[in-house]
Amino acid sequence: MATTPMVLPNQAAAGNQNFDGVAPPPMAAPPPPGTDMTRICFRDQLWLNTYPLDRNLVFDYFALSQFYDYTCNNEQLRLRSIRPLDHSQLLKMTGIEYLLSEVTEPHLFVIRKQKRDGPEKVTPMLTYYVLDGSIYQAPQLCNVFAARVGRALYHISKAFTTAASKLEKIGFVNVENENTAPESKVTKETIDFKELKRLDHILASMQRKLPPAPPPPPFPEGYTPPTAEGEKSSENQQAEAQPPVDPIIDQGPSKRRKF
């Protein structure tokens, strides 16, 4: 015969309390998302197959991701059954909120996270975008600048390294050429001097072995060779042919007598 378990009065009154009489703690909200989650991507294909992704449902889809902060003002509006992106209601609240800034249905949705301190005082914090059903965090502007500058510095340093290696090779070749040039000059000068002496010795020995030079051939008939007196007479004729020199014109300005 089966018996039913006895229920103690305190357990029946406690409801879902444990055996120690202490109620379990309520489920804590997930921690707020971090500031740098650019390497994380969220996509729920089951939700995308069930619901259309448009401006009315994109926030509900974004709330499923790890980028969503449950302490935001939009979550409070959802708990009150108010449209979470109602701008008129968000103006009355302060704190963190999400705003749908740009929409290109059905491919691109840009959601901006900002902190509201008043109706007209808003501080942008982060930006997220939904691209073809996948949610990403947009990198901050400082990170973009740092990445671009780092990439530029990498390419500049690589270019300087390549140029330095090529200049080192050119300098090494020049140094070798400079080192070998004096040696080659010295050797060339030494070889030329020895060759000169050797050629002089050969020419002198050949001159001693050769017979004396033959006499010059006779002049043709009717030709009289010039003599020294004839050369002097020709020079005198050229001097007489020159015009006389005017002492006033050709001798320059006259000099004054000194007293």
Protein backbone atom coordinates (compact mmCIF):
# COMPACT_ATOMS: atom_id res chain seq x y z
CA MET A 1 0.00 0.00 0.00
CA ALA A 2 1.49 3.27 -1.10
CA THR A 3 1.71 6.10 1.34
CA THR A 4 1.70 9.77 0.49
CA PRO A 5 4.49 11.86 1.95
CA MET A 6 3.59 14.13 4.81
CA VAL A 7 3.86 17.84 4.21
CA LEU A 8 4.93 19.95 7.15
CA PRO A 9 2.91 23.08 7.85
CA ASN A 10 5.94 25.35 7.64
CA GLN A 11 6.88 23.87 4.28
CA ALA A 12 3.40 24.36 2.92
CA ALA A 13 3.44 27.94 4.08
CA ALA A 14 6.89 28.59 2.77
CA GLY A 15 5.96 27.47 -0.73
CA ASN A 16 9.17 27.25 -2.70
CA GLN A 17 11.54 27.65 0.27
CA ASN A 18 14.33 25.12 0.71
CA PHE A 19 14.76 22.73 3.64
CA ASP A 20 16.65 25.33 5.67
CA GLY A 21 13.67 27.66 5.57
CA VAL A 22 15.49 30.26 3.44
CA ALA A 23 13.94 31.42 0.16
CA PRO A 24 16.25 31.16 -2.87
CA PRO A 25 17.67 34.46 -4.05
CA PRO A 26 16.00 36.03 -7.06
CA MET A 27 17.69 35.63 -10.43
CA ALA A 28 20.22 38.39 -10.88
CA ALA A 29 20.28 40.43 -14.05
CA PRO A 30 23.18 39.72 -16.39
CA PRO A 31 26.18 42.01 -15.94
CA PRO A 32 26.39 45.09 -18.14
CA PRO A 33 28.31 44.60 -21.36
CA GLY A 34 31.92 45.65 -21.63
CA THR A 35 33.17 48.66 -23.54
CA ASP A 36 35.39 46.71 -25.95
CA MET A 37 33.44 43.89 -27.58
CA THR A 38 34.52 44.53 -31.16
CA ARG A 39 35.68 40.91 -31.60
CA ILE A 40 32.26 39.45 -30.75
CA CYS A 41 29.44 38.81 -33.20
CA PHE A 42 25.87 37.81 -32.34
CA ARG A 43 23.44 36.05 -34.67
CA ASP A 44 20.27 34.08 -33.90
CA GLN A 45 19.26 32.27 -37.05
CA LEU A 46 16.17 30.74 -35.44
CA TRP A 47 14.80 34.18 -34.57
CA LEU A 48 15.60 35.47 -38.06
CA ASN A 49 13.70 32.55 -39.60
CA THR A 50 10.70 33.26 -37.39
CA TYR A 51 10.37 37.06 -37.43
CA PRO A 52 11.09 39.69 -40.05
CA LEU A 53 13.97 42.05 -39.33
CA ASP A 54 12.59 45.59 -39.62
CA ARG A 55 12.61 48.83 -37.64
CA ASN A 56 9.80 47.62 -35.37
CA LEU A 57 11.44 44.35 -34.28
CA VAL A 58 15.15 45.10 -34.59
CA PHE A 59 15.36 46.31 -30.98
CA ASP A 60 13.81 43.10 -29.68
CA TYR A 61 16.39 41.20 -31.67
CA PHE A 62 19.18 43.42 -30.32
CA ALA A 63 17.96 42.80 -26.73
CA LEU A 64 18.80 39.10 -27.18
CA SER A 65 22.49 39.82 -27.70
CA GLN A 66 25.25 40.21 -25.13
CA PHE A 67 25.57 43.87 -26.17
CA TYR A 68 22.30 44.78 -24.49
CA ASP A 69 22.39 46.48 -21.08
CA TYR A 70 19.38 45.46 -18.98
CA THR A 71 19.77 48.53 -16.76
CA CYS A 72 18.92 50.90 -19.62
CA ASN A 73 15.82 53.08 -19.83
CA ASN A 74 14.56 51.08 -22.81
CA GLU A 75 14.24 47.98 -20.63
CA GLN A 76 12.18 49.91 -18.10
CA LEU A 77 9.83 50.97 -20.89
CA ARG A 78 9.53 47.35 -22.05
CA LEU A 79 8.58 46.27 -18.54
CA ARG A 80 5.85 48.92 -18.58
CA SER A 81 4.62 47.64 -21.97
CA ILE A 82 5.72 50.84 -23.69
CA ARG A 83 7.50 50.91 -26.98
CA PRO A 84 11.22 50.83 -26.01
CA LEU A 85 12.29 53.28 -28.68
CA ASP A 86 9.63 55.90 -27.86
CA HIS A 87 11.62 59.12 -27.98
CA SER A 88 9.01 61.15 -26.08
CA GLN A 89 9.26 58.76 -23.12
CA LEU A 90 13.05 58.62 -23.19
CA LEU A 91 13.27 62.42 -22.96
CA LYS A 92 11.62 62.24 -19.54
CA MET A 93 14.22 59.79 -18.15
CA THR A 94 17.90 59.95 -17.26
CA GLY A 95 20.48 57.22 -17.59
CA ILE A 96 21.66 54.85 -20.30
CA GLU A 97 19.48 54.42 -23.35
CA TYR A 98 19.60 53.01 -26.89
CA LEU A 99 18.54 54.94 -29.97
CA LEU A 100 17.97 53.72 -33.50
CA SER A 101 19.98 56.29 -35.46
CA GLU A 102 20.12 54.94 -39.04
CA VAL A 103 17.99 52.38 -40.87
CA THR A 104 18.41 50.74 -44.27
CA GLU A 105 15.87 47.95 -44.26
CA PRO A 106 16.38 45.05 -44.24
CA HIS A 107 20.17 44.99 -44.33
CA LEU A 108 21.57 47.67 -42.02
CA PHE A 109 20.43 49.07 -38.66
CA VAL A 110 22.62 51.38 -36.57
CA ILE A 111 21.92 51.56 -32.81
CA ARG A 112 23.65 54.14 -30.63
CA LYS A 113 24.19 53.75 -26.91
CA GLN A 114 24.19 57.03 -25.02
CA LYS A 115 23.86 58.49 -21.55
CA ARG A 116 21.11 61.03 -21.00
CA ASP A 117 21.53 63.63 -18.26
CA GLY A 118 18.61 65.77 -19.35
CA PRO A 119 16.18 66.41 -22.20
CA GLU A 120 18.88 68.19 -24.20
CA LYS A 121 22.06 66.79 -22.65
CA VAL A 122 23.23 63.50 -24.18
CA THR A 123 26.68 61.89 -24.15
CA PRO A 124 27.34 59.25 -26.86
CA MET A 125 29.00 56.10 -25.56
CA LEU A 126 29.07 53.27 -28.12
CA THR A 127 27.63 52.35 -31.50
CA TYR A 128 26.33 48.99 -32.69
CA TYR A 129 25.14 47.92 -36.12
CA VAL A 130 23.04 45.03 -37.37
CA LEU A 131 24.32 43.94 -40.78
CA ASP A 132 22.22 41.26 -42.52
CA GLY A 133 21.15 39.77 -39.19
CA SER A 134 24.58 39.85 -37.50
CA ILE A 135 25.18 42.30 -34.66
CA TYR A 136 28.58 43.95 -34.21
CA GLN A 137 30.05 46.69 -32.08
CA ALA A 138 31.57 49.51 -34.08
CA PRO A 139 35.14 50.38 -33.07
CA GLN A 140 35.74 53.70 -31.36
CA LEU A 141 37.35 56.53 -33.27
CA CYS A 142 40.50 56.50 -31.13
CA ASN A 143 40.97 52.78 -31.80
CA VAL A 144 40.54 53.36 -35.53
CA PHE A 145 43.17 56.13 -35.47
CA ALA A 146 45.51 53.98 -33.39
CA ALA A 147 45.15 51.06 -35.81
CA ARG A 148 45.70 53.25 -38.87
CA VAL A 149 48.72 54.99 -37.32
CA GLY A 150 50.17 51.65 -36.23
CA ARG A 151 49.74 50.24 -39.72
CA ALA A 152 51.32 53.33 -41.28
CA LEU A 153 54.27 53.18 -38.86
CA TYR A 154 54.74 49.50 -39.67
CA HIS A 155 54.96 50.17 -43.40
CA ILE A 156 57.25 53.20 -42.84
CA SER A 157 59.61 51.21 -40.61
CA LYS A 158 59.60 48.36 -43.13
CA ALA A 159 60.45 50.82 -45.92
CA PHE A 160 63.30 52.31 -43.86
CA THR A 161 64.61 48.82 -43.08
CA THR A 162 64.60 47.89 -46.76
CA ALA A 163 66.28 51.17 -47.73
CA ALA A 164 68.89 50.76 -44.99
CA SER A 165 69.72 47.23 -46.10
CA LYS A 166 70.17 48.39 -49.70
CA LEU A 167 72.30 51.36 -48.61
CA GLU A 168 74.46 49.06 -46.50
CA LYS A 169 75.09 46.88 -49.55
CA ILE A 170 75.95 49.95 -51.66
CA GLY A 171 78.22 51.31 -48.93
CA PHE A 172 79.96 47.95 -48.57
CA VAL A 173 80.64 47.86 -52.31
CA ASN A 174 81.93 51.43 -52.24
CA VAL A 175 84.20 50.65 -49.30
CA GLU A 176 85.57 47.64 -51.15
CA ASN A 177 86.14 49.77 -54.24
CA GLU A 178 87.85 52.46 -52.18
CA ASN A 179 90.07 49.87 -50.53
CA THR A 180 91.03 48.25 -53.81
CA ALA A 181 91.46 51.51 -55.76
CA PRO A 182 94.68 52.72 -54.01
CA GLU A 183 96.16 49.25 -54.26
CA SER A 184 95.40 49.07 -57.96
CA LYS A 185 96.86 52.56 -58.47
CA VAL A 186 100.04 51.62 -56.65
CA THR A 187 100.39 48.41 -58.59
CA LYS A 188 99.69 50.22 -61.87
CA GLU A 189 102.35 52.85 -61.08
CA THR A 190 104.86 50.19 -60.10
CA ILE A 191 104.18 48.17 -63.25
CA ASP A 192 104.49 51.25 -65.46
CA PHE A 193 107.84 52.19 -63.94
CA LYS A 194 109.24 48.72 -64.39
CA GLU A 195 107.91 48.50 -67.91
CA LEU A 196 109.48 51.85 -68.74
CA LYS A 197 112.89 50.73 -67.57
CA ARG A 198 112.57 47.44 -69.38
CA LEU A 199 111.56 49.16 -72.62
CA ASP A 200 114.49 51.58 -72.32
CA HIS A 201 116.86 48.66 -71.88
CA ILE A 202 115.39 46.84 -74.89
CA LEU A 203 115.55 49.90 -77.12
CA ALA A 204 119.14 50.64 -76.09
CA SER A 205 120.22 47.08 -76.82
CA MET A 206 118.48 47.14 -80.21
CA GLN A 207 120.08 50.47 -81.08
CA ARG A 208 123.52 49.04 -80.37
CA LYS A 209 122.83 46.04 -82.56
CA LEU A 210 121.45 48.02 -85.54
CA PRO A 211 123.81 49.49 -88.17
CA PRO A 212 124.28 53.27 -88.38
CA ALA A 213 121.60 55.31 -90.13
CA PRO A 214 122.12 55.81 -93.91
CA PRO A 215 122.88 59.32 -95.28
CA PRO A 216 119.96 61.45 -96.46
CA PRO A 217 119.06 61.28 -100.14
CA PRO A 218 120.40 63.99 -102.50
CA PHE A 219 118.30 67.05 -103.42
CA PRO A 220 116.72 67.14 -106.88
CA GLU A 221 118.39 69.05 -109.71
CA GLY A 222 117.83 72.81 -109.70
CA TYR A 223 116.95 72.95 -105.98
CA THR A 224 119.13 75.05 -103.74
CA PRO A 225 118.74 74.42 -100.02
CA PRO A 226 118.20 77.50 -97.84
CA THR A 227 121.15 78.87 -95.92
CA ALA A 228 121.37 80.86 -92.71
CA GLU A 229 122.10 84.12 -94.57
CA GLY A 230 118.99 83.64 -96.74
CA GLU A 231 116.82 83.14 -93.67
CA LYS A 232 118.16 86.40 -92.17
CA SER A 233 117.50 88.34 -95.38
CA SER A 234 113.89 87.08 -95.48
CA GLU A 235 113.37 88.22 -91.89
CA ASN A 236 114.73 91.68 -92.76
CA GLN A 237 112.39 91.97 -95.74
CA GLN A 238 109.39 91.15 -93.51
CA ALA A 239 110.46 93.78 -91.02
CA GLU A 240 110.80 96.42 -93.78
CA ALA A 241 107.39 95.53 -95.16
CA GLN A 242 105.74 96.43 -91.83
CA PRO A 243 104.28 100.01 -91.70
CA PRO A 244 106.09 102.64 -89.64
CA VAL A 245 104.98 103.13 -86.09
CA ASP A 246 103.56 106.53 -85.10
CA PRO A 247 105.16 107.48 -81.77
CA ILE A 248 102.20 109.57 -80.71
CA ILE A 249 99.38 107.18 -81.57
CA ASP A 250 101.00 103.85 -80.94
CA GLN A 251 103.05 104.67 -77.90
CA GLY A 252 100.08 105.55 -75.69
CA PRO A 253 99.34 108.80 -73.85
CA SER A 254 102.20 111.19 -73.34
CA LYS A 255 103.78 111.44 -69.98
CA ARG A 256 103.99 114.76 -68.17
CA ARG A 257 107.33 116.00 -67.14
CA LYS A 258 107.90 116.06 -63.46
CA PHE A 259 109.15 119.30 -61.95
